[in-house]
Each structure stands twice: as C-alpha cells, then as structure tokens.
Amino acid sequence: MAPAHKTLLTGLATFVGGVLLWQFGLDVEIVVFTPSKIGLVMMIIGGLETLYGVYKLMRSHSAEQR
C-alpha cells in the first residue's frame, strides 16, 4: 500500500475513533482525563492527518501525470 493511502486510512481511523469517544464518552468521567475531550483531540488530529493524506495522494497523482 502506498504511503499516501496509509496516511489517509490512519487519519480516517483516528477520526472515527475520536468520534466514538466523543459521542459515547460524554457521561463517563475518569480521574485523569475525560474521554469526550480526548475524542475531540483525536478528531482534530485525525482530520488533519486525513487532509495530509489527501494532499499526498493528489501530489503523487499529479507527479505521475507529468
């Protein structure tokens, strides 16, 4: 699998994991952290990684066309 595809899939998986933590961790409170806040951070990181994967994918396609 190409590195761009791996980055894209990893970003999407991180985003989905963050959405699940954010959605189902609202009522849970652990002493050290709150799952909903960790989920929000994971959604941001996953979204940025997904955008970077799309950028790498588009850049590799444009390099192949030249």
Protein backbone atom coordinates (compact mmCIF):
# COMPACT_ATOMS: atom_id res chain seq x y z
CA MET A 1 0.00 0.00 0.00
CA ALA A 2 1.28 3.45 -0.88
CA PRO A 3 2.30 5.80 1.95
CA ALA A 4 -0.38 8.30 0.93
CA HIS A 5 -3.09 5.66 1.27
CA LYS A 6 -1.74 4.58 4.67
CA THR A 7 -1.79 8.17 5.91
CA LEU A 8 -5.32 8.64 4.63
CA LEU A 9 -6.63 5.45 6.24
CA THR A 10 -4.84 6.12 9.53
CA GLY A 11 -6.30 9.61 9.66
CA LEU A 12 -9.80 8.30 8.98
CA ALA A 13 -9.45 5.61 11.64
CA THR A 14 -8.22 8.16 14.19
CA PHE A 15 -11.10 10.48 13.32
CA VAL A 16 -13.68 7.71 13.68
CA GLY A 17 -12.15 6.62 16.99
CA GLY A 18 -12.35 10.21 18.19
CA VAL A 19 -15.99 10.49 17.14
CA LEU A 20 -16.83 7.33 19.07
CA LEU A 21 -15.04 8.54 22.19
CA TRP A 22 -16.67 11.95 21.92
CA GLN A 23 -20.14 10.50 21.35
CA PHE A 24 -20.15 7.71 23.91
CA GLY A 25 -17.78 9.20 26.48
CA LEU A 26 -19.87 12.22 27.45
CA ASP A 27 -21.25 10.63 30.62
CA VAL A 28 -18.04 8.88 31.65
CA GLU A 29 -15.54 10.67 33.86
CA ILE A 30 -12.18 9.17 34.73
CA VAL A 31 -9.95 10.78 37.36
CA VAL A 32 -7.14 11.74 35.00
CA PHE A 33 -8.97 12.55 31.75
CA THR A 34 -12.39 12.88 30.17
CA PRO A 35 -12.98 10.57 27.16
CA SER A 36 -15.08 13.19 25.35
CA LYS A 37 -12.20 15.70 25.45
CA ILE A 38 -9.71 13.07 24.29
CA GLY A 39 -12.15 12.22 21.48
CA LEU A 40 -12.27 15.85 20.39
CA VAL A 41 -8.48 16.00 20.24
CA MET A 42 -8.40 12.74 18.29
CA MET A 43 -10.96 14.11 15.82
CA ILE A 44 -8.81 17.18 15.18
CA ILE A 45 -5.62 15.13 14.76
CA GLY A 46 -7.42 12.57 12.57
CA GLY A 47 -8.91 15.29 10.41
CA LEU A 48 -5.53 16.94 9.90
CA GLU A 49 -3.91 13.60 9.10
CA THR A 50 -6.69 12.80 6.62
CA LEU A 51 -6.20 16.14 4.89
CA TYR A 52 -2.46 15.48 4.73
CA GLY A 53 -3.14 12.06 3.21
CA VAL A 54 -5.38 13.61 0.56
CA TYR A 55 -2.68 16.18 -0.16
CA LYS A 56 -0.03 13.45 -0.54
CA LEU A 57 -2.38 11.43 -2.74
CA MET A 58 -3.14 14.38 -5.04
CA ARG A 59 0.53 15.32 -5.21
CA SER A 60 1.55 11.78 -6.18
CA HIS A 61 -1.14 11.66 -8.88
CA SER A 62 -0.03 14.98 -10.34
CA ALA A 63 3.61 13.80 -10.36
CA GLU A 64 2.59 10.64 -12.25
CA GLN A 65 0.81 12.67 -14.93
CA ARG A 66 3.90 14.69 -15.79
